[in-house]
Amino acid sequence: MQATASGRALRLFTFALALLLTACGEMRWTRPGGDHASAGNDLANCRVAAHSSTERMYGPMLPPVTSGGQFGNAPVGPTPADRQMREQETVNRCMRDKGYALVPVDG
């Protein structure tokens, strides 16, 4: 249970950091020798692959199910936020694997 809590804490930190960076300014994926069109295509492909991976891992998005047992109405399975974080982490990893870096847009 400790590993799960620390894993969720790390994902929450990563998500919060991404939000903070986004709030500080617009960000974009870039790589040496790349252009906006190829970055857009690669990002779209990574998003589709990440969504498919998340669907395979968790199944289709369903309304929250509650246990109703000892812990009351505690959700069973990943929350929509957990799924979204997992999907975004997969997109980020995919883009980094393609040689991209997330950088601030020059203002």
PDB file of N, CA and C in Angstrom:
ATOM      1  N   MET A   1       0.824  -1.192   0.000  1.00  0.00           N
ATOM      2  CA  MET A   1       0.000   0.000   0.000  1.00  0.00           C
ATOM      3  C   MET A   1       0.861   1.246   0.000  1.00  0.00           C
ATOM      4  N   GLN A   2       2.009   1.204   0.635  1.00  0.00           N
ATOM      5  CA  GLN A   2       2.922   2.342   0.677  1.00  0.00           C
ATOM      6  C   GLN A   2       3.406   2.693  -0.731  1.00  0.00           C
ATOM      7  N   ALA A   3       3.761   1.686  -1.546  1.00  0.00           N
ATOM      8  CA  ALA A   3       4.240   1.925  -2.908  1.00  0.00           C
ATOM      9  C   ALA A   3       3.151   2.585  -3.745  1.00  0.00           C
ATOM     10  N   THR A   4       1.914   2.171  -3.563  1.00  0.00           N
ATOM     11  CA  THR A   4       0.805   2.758  -4.300  1.00  0.00           C
ATOM     12  C   THR A   4       0.627   4.222  -3.923  1.00  0.00           C
ATOM     13  N   ALA A   5       0.709   4.522  -2.650  1.00  0.00           N
ATOM     14  CA  ALA A   5       0.560   5.909  -2.203  1.00  0.00           C
ATOM     15  C   ALA A   5       1.690   6.771  -2.734  1.00  0.00           C
ATOM     16  N   SER A   6       2.921   6.261  -2.714  1.00  0.00           N
ATOM     17  CA  SER A   6       4.032   7.060  -3.231  1.00  0.00           C
ATOM     18  C   SER A   6       3.940   7.205  -4.742  1.00  0.00           C
ATOM     19  N   GLY A   7       3.439   6.182  -5.432  1.00  0.00           N
ATOM     20  CA  GLY A   7       3.248   6.270  -6.881  1.00  0.00           C
ATOM     21  C   GLY A   7       2.209   7.319  -7.231  1.00  0.00           C
ATOM     22  N   ARG A   8       1.137   7.341  -6.482  1.00  0.00           N
ATOM     23  CA  ARG A   8       0.098   8.357  -6.717  1.00  0.00           C
ATOM     24  C   ARG A   8       0.615   9.745  -6.382  1.00  0.00           C
ATOM     25  N   ALA A   9       1.413   9.835  -5.319  1.00  0.00           N
ATOM     26  CA  ALA A   9       1.981  11.139  -4.950  1.00  0.00           C
ATOM     27  C   ALA A   9       2.900  11.648  -6.058  1.00  0.00           C
ATOM     28  N   LEU A  10       3.698  10.748  -6.637  1.00  0.00           N
ATOM     29  CA  LEU A  10       4.585  11.147  -7.731  1.00  0.00           C
ATOM     30  C   LEU A  10       3.782  11.591  -8.943  1.00  0.00           C
ATOM     31  N   ARG A  11       2.727  10.852  -9.279  1.00  0.00           N
ATOM     32  CA  ARG A  11       1.887  11.248 -10.421  1.00  0.00           C
ATOM     33  C   ARG A  11       1.217  12.582 -10.157  1.00  0.00           C
ATOM     34  N   LEU A  12       0.743  12.785  -8.929  1.00  0.00           N
ATOM     35  CA  LEU A  12       0.108  14.048  -8.579  1.00  0.00           C
ATOM     36  C   LEU A  12       1.114  15.183  -8.683  1.00  0.00           C
ATOM     37  N   PHE A  13       2.341  14.970  -8.206  1.00  0.00           N
ATOM     38  CA  PHE A  13       3.380  15.983  -8.309  1.00  0.00           C
ATOM     39  C   PHE A  13       3.674  16.299  -9.769  1.00  0.00           C
ATOM     40  N   THR A  14       3.803  15.271 -10.609  1.00  0.00           N
ATOM     41  CA  THR A  14       4.074  15.471 -12.031  1.00  0.00           C
ATOM     42  C   THR A  14       2.952  16.264 -12.686  1.00  0.00           C
ATOM     43  N   PHE A  15       1.721  15.897 -12.368  1.00  0.00           N
ATOM     44  CA  PHE A  15       0.568  16.603 -12.922  1.00  0.00           C
ATOM     45  C   PHE A  15       0.544  18.057 -12.461  1.00  0.00           C
ATOM     46  N   ALA A  16       0.791  18.292 -11.172  1.00  0.00           N
ATOM     47  CA  ALA A  16       0.808  19.656 -10.637  1.00  0.00           C
ATOM     48  C   ALA A  16       1.921  20.471 -11.268  1.00  0.00           C
ATOM     49  N   LEU A  17       3.082  19.849 -11.473  1.00  0.00           N
ATOM     50  CA  LEU A  17       4.192  20.546 -12.112  1.00  0.00           C
ATOM     51  C   LEU A  17       3.833  20.931 -13.541  1.00  0.00           C
ATOM     52  N   ALA A  18       3.204  20.022 -14.262  1.00  0.00           N
ATOM     53  CA  ALA A  18       2.779  20.318 -15.637  1.00  0.00           C
ATOM     54  C   ALA A  18       1.782  21.470 -15.651  1.00  0.00           C
ATOM     55  N   LEU A  19       0.838  21.475 -14.705  1.00  0.00           N
ATOM     56  CA  LEU A  19      -0.120  22.577 -14.620  1.00  0.00           C
ATOM     57  C   LEU A  19       0.572  23.895 -14.308  1.00  0.00           C
ATOM     58  N   LEU A  20       1.533  23.847 -13.393  1.00  0.00           N
ATOM     59  CA  LEU A  20       2.268  25.056 -13.035  1.00  0.00           C
ATOM     60  C   LEU A  20       3.034  25.600 -14.236  1.00  0.00           C
ATOM     61  N   LEU A  21       3.701  24.725 -14.944  1.00  0.00           N
ATOM     62  CA  LEU A  21       4.446  25.158 -16.124  1.00  0.00           C
ATOM     63  C   LEU A  21       3.521  25.727 -17.189  1.00  0.00           C
ATOM     64  N   THR A  22       2.362  25.111 -17.352  1.00  0.00           N
ATOM     65  CA  THR A  22       1.394  25.601 -18.317  1.00  0.00           C
ATOM     66  C   THR A  22       0.870  26.968 -17.881  1.00  0.00           C
ATOM     67  N   ALA A  23       0.631  27.147 -16.597  1.00  0.00           N
ATOM     68  CA  ALA A  23       0.129  28.423 -16.089  1.00  0.00           C
ATOM     69  C   ALA A  23       1.158  29.535 -16.269  1.00  0.00           C
ATOM     70  N   CYS A  24       2.441  29.176 -16.257  1.00  0.00           N
ATOM     71  CA  CYS A  24       3.499  30.168 -16.404  1.00  0.00           C
ATOM     72  C   CYS A  24       3.674  30.601 -17.852  1.00  0.00           C
ATOM     73  N   GLY A  25       3.127  29.896 -18.772  1.00  0.00           N
ATOM     74  CA  GLY A  25       3.241  30.247 -20.178  1.00  0.00           C
ATOM     75  C   GLY A  25       2.950  29.053 -21.056  1.00  0.00           C
ATOM     76  N   GLU A  26       2.787  29.334 -22.316  1.00  0.00           N
ATOM     77  CA  GLU A  26       2.489  28.277 -23.265  1.00  0.00           C
ATOM     78  C   GLU A  26       3.722  27.418 -23.507  1.00  0.00           C
ATOM     79  N   MET A  27       3.496  26.120 -23.601  1.00  0.00           N
ATOM     80  CA  MET A  27       4.577  25.169 -23.829  1.00  0.00           C
ATOM     81  C   MET A  27       4.322  24.459 -25.159  1.00  0.00           C
ATOM     82  N   ARG A  28       5.393  23.963 -25.781  1.00  0.00           N
ATOM     83  CA  ARG A  28       5.233  23.169 -27.000  1.00  0.00           C
ATOM     84  C   ARG A  28       6.336  22.130 -27.082  1.00  0.00           C
ATOM     85  N   TRP A  29       6.044  21.084 -27.839  1.00  0.00           N
ATOM     86  CA  TRP A  29       7.022  20.034 -28.080  1.00  0.00           C
ATOM     87  C   TRP A  29       7.883  20.453 -29.262  1.00  0.00           C
ATOM     88  N   THR A  30       9.186  20.298 -29.102  1.00  0.00           N
ATOM     89  CA  THR A  30      10.106  20.639 -30.185  1.00  0.00           C
ATOM     90  C   THR A  30      11.275  19.670 -30.173  1.00  0.00           C
ATOM     91  N   ARG A  31      11.902  19.512 -31.335  1.00  0.00           N
ATOM     92  CA  ARG A  31      13.116  18.702 -31.430  1.00  0.00           C
ATOM     93  C   ARG A  31      13.993  19.308 -32.514  1.00  0.00           C
ATOM     94  N   PRO A  32      15.290  19.095 -32.392  1.00  0.00           N
ATOM     95  CA  PRO A  32      16.207  19.656 -33.394  1.00  0.00           C
ATOM     96  C   PRO A  32      15.844  19.171 -34.793  1.00  0.00           C
ATOM     97  N   GLY A  33      15.756  20.105 -35.708  1.00  0.00           N
ATOM     98  CA  GLY A  33      15.446  19.780 -37.096  1.00  0.00           C
ATOM     99  C   GLY A  33      13.977  19.503 -37.356  1.00  0.00           C
ATOM    100  N   GLY A  34      13.156  19.591 -36.331  1.00  0.00           N
ATOM    101  CA  GLY A  34      11.725  19.321 -36.489  1.00  0.00           C
ATOM    102  C   GLY A  34      10.957  20.573 -36.849  1.00  0.00           C
ATOM    103  N   ASP A  35       9.748  20.397 -37.344  1.00  0.00           N
ATOM    104  CA  ASP A  35       8.880  21.536 -37.637  1.00  0.00           C
ATOM    105  C   ASP A  35       7.541  21.358 -36.926  1.00  0.00           C
ATOM    106  N   HIS A  36       6.710  22.394 -36.992  1.00  0.00           N
ATOM    107  CA  HIS A  36       5.425  22.360 -36.270  1.00  0.00           C
ATOM    108  C   HIS A  36       4.509  21.265 -36.800  1.00  0.00           C
ATOM    109  N   ALA A  37       4.513  21.029 -38.102  1.00  0.00           N
ATOM    110  CA  ALA A  37       3.625  20.020 -38.685  1.00  0.00           C
ATOM    111  C   ALA A  37       3.995  18.619 -38.199  1.00  0.00           C
ATOM    112  N   SER A  38       5.291  18.299 -38.218  1.00  0.00           N
ATOM    113  CA  SER A  38       5.688  16.955 -37.767  1.00  0.00           C
ATOM    114  C   SER A  38       5.452  16.798 -36.266  1.00  0.00           C
ATOM    115  N   ALA A  39       5.673  17.858 -35.499  1.00  0.00           N
ATOM    116  CA  ALA A  39       5.410  17.795 -34.055  1.00  0.00           C
ATOM    117  C   ALA A  39       3.924  17.567 -33.807  1.00  0.00           C
ATOM    118  N   GLY A  40       3.073  18.251 -34.555  1.00  0.00           N
ATOM    119  CA  GLY A  40       1.629  18.072 -34.405  1.00  0.00           C
ATOM    120  C   GLY A  40       1.188  16.659 -34.755  1.00  0.00           C
ATOM    121  N   ASN A  41       1.745  16.117 -35.839  1.00  0.00           N
ATOM    122  CA  ASN A  41       1.406  14.744 -36.234  1.00  0.00           C
ATOM    123  C   ASN A  41       1.886  13.744 -35.194  1.00  0.00           C
ATOM    124  N   ASP A  42       3.126  13.917 -34.730  1.00  0.00           N
ATOM    125  CA  ASP A  42       3.659  13.004 -33.716  1.00  0.00           C
ATOM    126  C   ASP A  42       2.858  13.083 -32.427  1.00  0.00           C
ATOM    127  N   LEU A  43       2.470  14.283 -32.024  1.00  0.00           N
ATOM    128  CA  LEU A  43       1.679  14.451 -30.806  1.00  0.00           C
ATOM    129  C   LEU A  43       0.319  13.771 -30.950  1.00  0.00           C
ATOM    130  N   ALA A  44      -0.315  13.943 -32.101  1.00  0.00           N
ATOM    131  CA  ALA A  44      -1.607  13.298 -32.336  1.00  0.00           C
ATOM    132  C   ALA A  44      -1.460  11.776 -32.273  1.00  0.00           C
ATOM    133  N   ASN A  45      -0.404  11.243 -32.893  1.00  0.00           N
ATOM    134  CA  ASN A  45      -0.176   9.794 -32.861  1.00  0.00           C
ATOM    135  C   ASN A  45       0.091   9.302 -31.440  1.00  0.00           C
ATOM    136  N   CYS A  46       0.868  10.068 -30.675  1.00  0.00           N
ATOM    137  CA  CYS A  46       1.146   9.688 -29.286  1.00  0.00           C
ATOM    138  C   CYS A  46      -0.125   9.711 -28.447  1.00  0.00           C
ATOM    139  N   ARG A  47      -0.991  10.689 -28.689  1.00  0.00           N
ATOM    140  CA  ARG A  47      -2.252  10.766 -27.933  1.00  0.00           C
ATOM    141  C   ARG A  47      -3.148   9.571 -28.233  1.00  0.00           C
ATOM    142  N   VAL A  48      -3.235   9.190 -29.506  1.00  0.00           N
ATOM    143  CA  VAL A  48      -4.057   8.032 -29.872  1.00  0.00           C
ATOM    144  C   VAL A  48      -3.494   6.768 -29.222  1.00  0.00           C
ATOM    145  N   ALA A  49      -2.175   6.596 -29.306  1.00  0.00           N
ATOM    146  CA  ALA A  49      -1.538   5.409 -28.719  1.00  0.00           C
ATOM    147  C   ALA A  49      -1.727   5.390 -27.200  1.00  0.00           C
ATOM    148  N   ALA A  50      -1.596   6.550 -26.549  1.00  0.00           N
ATOM    149  CA  ALA A  50      -1.760   6.630 -25.094  1.00  0.00           C
ATOM    150  C   ALA A  50      -3.196   6.310 -24.694  1.00  0.00           C
ATOM    151  N   HIS A  51      -4.151   6.823 -25.455  1.00  0.00           N
ATOM    152  CA  HIS A  51      -5.554   6.542 -25.145  1.00  0.00           C
ATOM    153  C   HIS A  51      -5.834   5.050 -25.286  1.00  0.00           C
ATOM    154  N   SER A  52      -5.329   4.444 -26.349  1.00  0.00           N
ATOM    155  CA  SER A  52      -5.523   3.003 -26.555  1.00  0.00           C
ATOM    156  C   SER A  52      -4.888   2.199 -25.427  1.00  0.00           C
ATOM    157  N   SER A  53      -3.683   2.610 -25.017  1.00  0.00           N
ATOM    158  CA  SER A  53      -2.987   1.928 -23.929  1.00  0.00           C
ATOM    159  C   SER A  53      -3.774   2.027 -22.627  1.00  0.00           C
ATOM    160  N   THR A  54      -4.310   3.195 -22.348  1.00  0.00           N
ATOM    161  CA  THR A  54      -5.095   3.397 -21.128  1.00  0.00           C
ATOM    162  C   THR A  54      -6.375   2.569 -21.166  1.00  0.00           C
ATOM    163  N   GLU A  55      -7.009   2.520 -22.331  1.00  0.00           N
ATOM    164  CA  GLU A  55      -8.224   1.707 -22.472  1.00  0.00           C
ATOM    165  C   GLU A  55      -7.915   0.227 -22.256  1.00  0.00           C
ATOM    166  N   ARG A  56      -6.768  -0.250 -22.785  1.00  0.00           N
ATOM    167  CA  ARG A  56      -6.398  -1.652 -22.591  1.00  0.00           C
ATOM    168  C   ARG A  56      -6.115  -1.927 -21.116  1.00  0.00           C
ATOM    169  N   MET A  57      -5.482  -0.960 -20.445  1.00  0.00           N
ATOM    170  CA  MET A  57      -5.112  -1.161 -19.046  1.00  0.00           C
ATOM    171  C   MET A  57      -6.333  -1.121 -18.123  1.00  0.00           C
ATOM    172  N   TYR A  58      -7.203  -0.140 -18.310  1.00  0.00           N
ATOM    173  CA  TYR A  58      -8.310   0.083 -17.385  1.00  0.00           C
ATOM    174  C   TYR A  58      -9.680  -0.301 -17.939  1.00  0.00           C
ATOM    175  N   GLY A  59      -9.784  -0.527 -19.224  1.00  0.00           N
ATOM    176  CA  GLY A  59     -11.082  -0.756 -19.841  1.00  0.00           C
ATOM    177  C   GLY A  59     -11.719   0.580 -20.190  1.00  0.00           C
ATOM    178  N   PRO A  60     -12.893   0.542 -20.789  1.00  0.00           N
ATOM    179  CA  PRO A  60     -13.548   1.797 -21.180  1.00  0.00           C
ATOM    180  C   PRO A  60     -13.940   2.626 -19.964  1.00  0.00           C
ATOM    181  N   MET A  61     -14.020   3.932 -20.173  1.00  0.00           N
ATOM    182  CA  MET A  61     -14.406   4.846 -19.098  1.00  0.00           C
ATOM    183  C   MET A  61     -15.869   4.573 -18.745  1.00  0.00           C
ATOM    184  N   LEU A  62     -16.098   4.280 -17.474  1.00  0.00           N
ATOM    185  CA  LEU A  62     -17.439   4.006 -16.980  1.00  0.00           C
ATOM    186  C   LEU A  62     -17.744   4.941 -15.815  1.00  0.00           C
ATOM    187  N   PRO A  63     -19.029   5.111 -15.492  1.00  0.00           N
ATOM    188  CA  PRO A  63     -19.346   5.903 -14.299  1.00  0.00           C
ATOM    189  C   PRO A  63     -18.688   5.272 -13.083  1.00  0.00           C
ATOM    190  N   PRO A  64     -18.302   6.074 -12.083  1.00  0.00           N
ATOM    191  CA  PRO A  64     -17.653   5.532 -10.896  1.00  0.00           C
ATOM    192  C   PRO A  64     -18.519   4.476 -10.213  1.00  0.00           C
ATOM    193  N   VAL A  65     -17.876   3.409  -9.786  1.00  0.00           N
ATOM    194  CA  VAL A  65     -18.539   2.345  -9.039  1.00  0.00           C
ATOM    195  C   VAL A  65     -18.066   2.456  -7.600  1.00  0.00           C
ATOM    196  N   THR A  66     -18.978   2.324  -6.664  1.00  0.00           N
ATOM    197  CA  THR A  66     -18.586   2.415  -5.257  1.00  0.00           C
ATOM    198  C   THR A  66     -18.696   1.057  -4.613  1.00  0.00           C
ATOM    199  N   SER A  67     -17.888   0.868  -3.585  1.00  0.00           N
ATOM    200  CA  SER A  67     -17.865  -0.432  -2.915  1.00  0.00           C
ATOM    201  C   SER A  67     -19.044  -0.608  -1.978  1.00  0.00           C
ATOM    202  N   GLY A  68     -19.423   0.459  -1.275  1.00  0.00           N
ATOM    203  CA  GLY A  68     -20.518   0.374  -0.328  1.00  0.00           C
ATOM    204  C   GLY A  68     -20.239  -0.537   0.853  1.00  0.00           C
ATOM    205  N   GLY A  69     -19.000  -0.987   0.980  1.00  0.00           N
ATOM    206  CA  GLY A  69     -18.644  -1.916   2.043  1.00  0.00           C
ATOM    207  C   GLY A  69     -18.088  -1.198   3.248  1.00  0.00           C
ATOM    208  N   GLN A  70     -17.022  -1.764   3.794  1.00  0.00           N
ATOM    209  CA  GLN A  70     -16.414  -1.283   5.024  1.00  0.00           C
ATOM    210  C   GLN A  70     -16.009   0.183   4.942  1.00  0.00           C
ATOM    211  N   PHE A  71     -15.587   0.641   3.781  1.00  0.00           N
ATOM    212  CA  PHE A  71     -15.104   2.014   3.648  1.00  0.00           C
ATOM    213  C   PHE A  71     -16.167   2.946   3.080  1.00  0.00           C
ATOM    214  N   GLY A  72     -17.394   2.562   3.160  1.00  0.00           N
ATOM    215  CA  GLY A  72     -18.466   3.417   2.687  1.00  0.00           C
ATOM    216  C   GLY A  72     -18.518   3.445   1.177  1.00  0.00           C
ATOM    217  N   ASN A  73     -18.537   4.635   0.617  1.00  0.00           N
ATOM    218  CA  ASN A  73     -18.667   4.796  -0.826  1.00  0.00           C
ATOM    219  C   ASN A  73     -17.332   5.100  -1.486  1.00  0.00           C
ATOM    220  N   ALA A  74     -16.275   4.428  -1.079  1.00  0.00           N
ATOM    221  CA  ALA A  74     -14.962   4.633  -1.688  1.00  0.00           C
ATOM    222  C   ALA A  74     -14.984   4.133  -3.126  1.00  0.00           C
ATOM    223  N   PRO A  75     -14.429   4.907  -4.077  1.00  0.00           N
ATOM    224  CA  PRO A  75     -14.406   4.475  -5.469  1.00  0.00           C
ATOM    225  C   PRO A  75     -13.604   3.194  -5.634  1.00  0.00           C
ATOM    226  N   VAL A  76     -14.035   2.355  -6.550  1.00  0.00           N
ATOM    227  CA  VAL A  76     -13.336   1.131  -6.891  1.00  0.00           C
ATOM    228  C   VAL A  76     -12.670   1.357  -8.243  1.00  0.00           C
ATOM    229  N   GLY A  77     -11.373   1.130  -8.311  1.00  0.00           N
ATOM    230  CA  GLY A  77     -10.651   1.327  -9.573  1.00  0.00           C
ATOM    231  C   GLY A  77     -10.134   2.747  -9.695  1.00  0.00           C
ATOM    232  N   PRO A  78      -9.495   3.033 -10.825  1.00  0.00           N
ATOM    233  CA  PRO A  78      -8.889   4.351 -11.007  1.00  0.00           C
ATOM    234  C   PRO A  78      -9.942   5.438 -11.202  1.00  0.00           C
ATOM    235  N   THR A  79      -9.644   6.597 -10.675  1.00  0.00           N
ATOM    236  CA  THR A  79     -10.537   7.734 -10.881  1.00  0.00           C
ATOM    237  C   THR A  79     -10.280   8.302 -12.277  1.00  0.00           C
ATOM    238  N   PRO A  80     -11.186   9.131 -12.790  1.00  0.00           N
ATOM    239  CA  PRO A  80     -10.931   9.777 -14.079  1.00  0.00           C
ATOM    240  C   PRO A  80      -9.623  10.581 -14.060  1.00  0.00           C
ATOM    241  N   ALA A  81      -9.298  11.193 -12.928  1.00  0.00           N
ATOM    242  CA  ALA A  81      -8.041  11.951 -12.831  1.00  0.00           C
ATOM    243  C   ALA A  81      -6.835  11.022 -12.937  1.00  0.00           C
ATOM    244  N   ASP A  82      -6.918   9.826 -12.309  1.00  0.00           N
ATOM    245  CA  ASP A  82      -5.836   8.845 -12.419  1.00  0.00           C
ATOM    246  C   ASP A  82      -5.636   8.433 -13.872  1.00  0.00           C
ATOM    247  N   ARG A  83      -6.730   8.167 -14.551  1.00  0.00           N
ATOM    248  CA  ARG A  83      -6.657   7.775 -15.958  1.00  0.00           C
ATOM    249  C   ARG A  83      -6.044   8.888 -16.803  1.00  0.00           C
ATOM    250  N   GLN A  84      -6.476  10.122 -16.559  1.00  0.00           N
ATOM    251  CA  GLN A  84      -5.970  11.254 -17.336  1.00  0.00           C
ATOM    252  C   GLN A  84      -4.476  11.441 -17.090  1.00  0.00           C
ATOM    253  N   MET A  85      -4.047  11.322 -15.837  1.00  0.00           N
ATOM    254  CA  MET A  85      -2.619  11.458 -15.536  1.00  0.00           C
ATOM    255  C   MET A  85      -1.821  10.352 -16.211  1.00  0.00           C
ATOM    256  N   ARG A  86      -2.304   9.123 -16.144  1.00  0.00           N
ATOM    257  CA  ARG A  86      -1.618   8.001 -16.779  1.00  0.00           C
ATOM    258  C   ARG A  86      -1.501   8.240 -18.291  1.00  0.00           C
ATOM    259  N   GLU A  87      -2.590   8.703 -18.884  1.00  0.00           N
ATOM    260  CA  GLU A  87      -2.594   8.944 -20.326  1.00  0.00           C
ATOM    261  C   GLU A  87      -1.604  10.054 -20.690  1.00  0.00           C
ATOM    262  N   GLN A  88      -1.593  11.133 -19.905  1.00  0.00           N
ATOM    263  CA  GLN A  88      -0.672  12.238 -20.196  1.00  0.00           C
ATOM    264  C   GLN A  88       0.778  11.816 -19.996  1.00  0.00           C
ATOM    265  N   GLU A  89       1.045  11.015 -18.972  1.00  0.00           N
ATOM    266  CA  GLU A  89       2.410  10.501 -18.764  1.00  0.00           C
ATOM    267  C   GLU A  89       2.854   9.669 -19.962  1.00  0.00           C
ATOM    268  N   THR A  90       1.927   8.882 -20.521  1.00  0.00           N
ATOM    269  CA  THR A  90       2.241   8.049 -21.676  1.00  0.00           C
ATOM    270  C   THR A  90       2.507   8.909 -22.897  1.00  0.00           C
ATOM    271  N   VAL A  91       1.728   9.970 -23.088  1.00  0.00           N
ATOM    272  CA  VAL A  91       1.962  10.905 -24.202  1.00  0.00           C
ATOM    273  C   VAL A  91       3.336  11.546 -24.045  1.00  0.00           C
ATOM    274  N   ASN A  92       3.638  12.016 -22.839  1.00  0.00           N
ATOM    275  CA  ASN A  92       4.931  12.677 -22.596  1.00  0.00           C
ATOM    276  C   ASN A  92       6.099  11.728 -22.874  1.00  0.00           C
ATOM    277  N   ARG A  93       5.986  10.496 -22.410  1.00  0.00           N
ATOM    278  CA  ARG A  93       7.046   9.508 -22.632  1.00  0.00           C
ATOM    279  C   ARG A  93       7.200   9.223 -24.126  1.00  0.00           C
ATOM    280  N   CYS A  94       6.095   9.088 -24.823  1.00  0.00           N
ATOM    281  CA  CYS A  94       6.105   8.832 -26.266  1.00  0.00           C
ATOM    282  C   CYS A  94       6.820   9.967 -26.999  1.00  0.00           C
ATOM    283  N   MET A  95       6.492  11.200 -26.662  1.00  0.00           N
ATOM    284  CA  MET A  95       7.124  12.342 -27.343  1.00  0.00           C
ATOM    285  C   MET A  95       8.617  12.410 -27.014  1.00  0.00           C
ATOM    286  N   ARG A  96       8.987  12.173 -25.769  1.00  0.00           N
ATOM    287  CA  ARG A  96      10.413  12.170 -25.410  1.00  0.00           C
ATOM    288  C   ARG A  96      11.146  11.062 -26.151  1.00  0.00           C
ATOM    289  N   ASP A  97      10.505   9.894 -26.285  1.00  0.00           N
ATOM    290  CA  ASP A  97      11.121   8.788 -27.016  1.00  0.00           C
ATOM    291  C   ASP A  97      11.337   9.135 -28.486  1.00  0.00           C
ATOM    292  N   LYS A  98      10.549  10.041 -29.022  1.00  0.00           N
ATOM    293  CA  LYS A  98      10.703  10.482 -30.414  1.00  0.00           C
ATOM    294  C   LYS A  98      11.723  11.616 -30.538  1.00  0.00           C
ATOM    295  N   GLY A  99      12.320  12.005 -29.404  1.00  0.00           N
ATOM    296  CA  GLY A  99      13.357  13.032 -29.437  1.00  0.00           C
ATOM    297  C   GLY A  99      12.886  14.442 -29.142  1.00  0.00           C
ATOM    298  N   TYR A 100      11.638  14.597 -28.712  1.00  0.00           N
ATOM    299  CA  TYR A 100      11.091  15.935 -28.416  1.00  0.00           C
ATOM    300  C   TYR A 100      11.392  16.344 -26.979  1.00  0.00           C
ATOM    301  N   ALA A 101      11.387  17.646 -26.775  1.00  0.00           N
ATOM    302  CA  ALA A 101      11.457  18.239 -25.445  1.00  0.00           C
ATOM    303  C   ALA A 101      10.326  19.248 -25.338  1.00  0.00           C
ATOM    304  N   LEU A 102       9.739  19.367 -24.164  1.00  0.00           N
ATOM    305  CA  LEU A 102       8.678  20.334 -23.922  1.00  0.00           C
ATOM    306  C   LEU A 102       9.345  21.626 -23.465  1.00  0.00           C
ATOM    307  N   VAL A 103       9.158  22.683 -24.263  1.00  0.00           N
ATOM    308  CA  VAL A 103       9.837  23.948 -23.992  1.00  0.00           C
ATOM    309  C   VAL A 103       8.827  25.102 -24.016  1.00  0.00           C
ATOM    310  N   PRO A 104       9.140  26.198 -23.322  1.00  0.00           N
ATOM    311  CA  PRO A 104       8.251  27.368 -23.369  1.00  0.00           C
ATOM    312  C   PRO A 104       8.271  28.001 -24.759  1.00  0.00           C
ATOM    313  N   VAL A 105       7.114  28.501 -25.173  1.00  0.00           N
ATOM    314  CA  VAL A 105       7.022  29.223 -26.441  1.00  0.00           C
ATOM    315  C   VAL A 105       7.575  30.622 -26.223  1.00  0.00           C
ATOM    316  N   ASP A 106       8.453  31.046 -27.105  1.00  0.00           N
ATOM    317  CA  ASP A 106       9.010  32.406 -26.993  1.00  0.00           C
ATOM    318  C   ASP A 106       7.905  33.410 -27.223  1.00  0.00           C
ATOM    319  N   GLY A 107       7.823  34.361 -26.292  1.00  0.00           N
ATOM    320  CA  GLY A 107       6.741  35.326 -26.283  1.00  0.00           C
ATOM    321  C   GLY A 107       6.910  36.471 -27.142  1.00  0.00           C
TER     322      GLY A 107
END
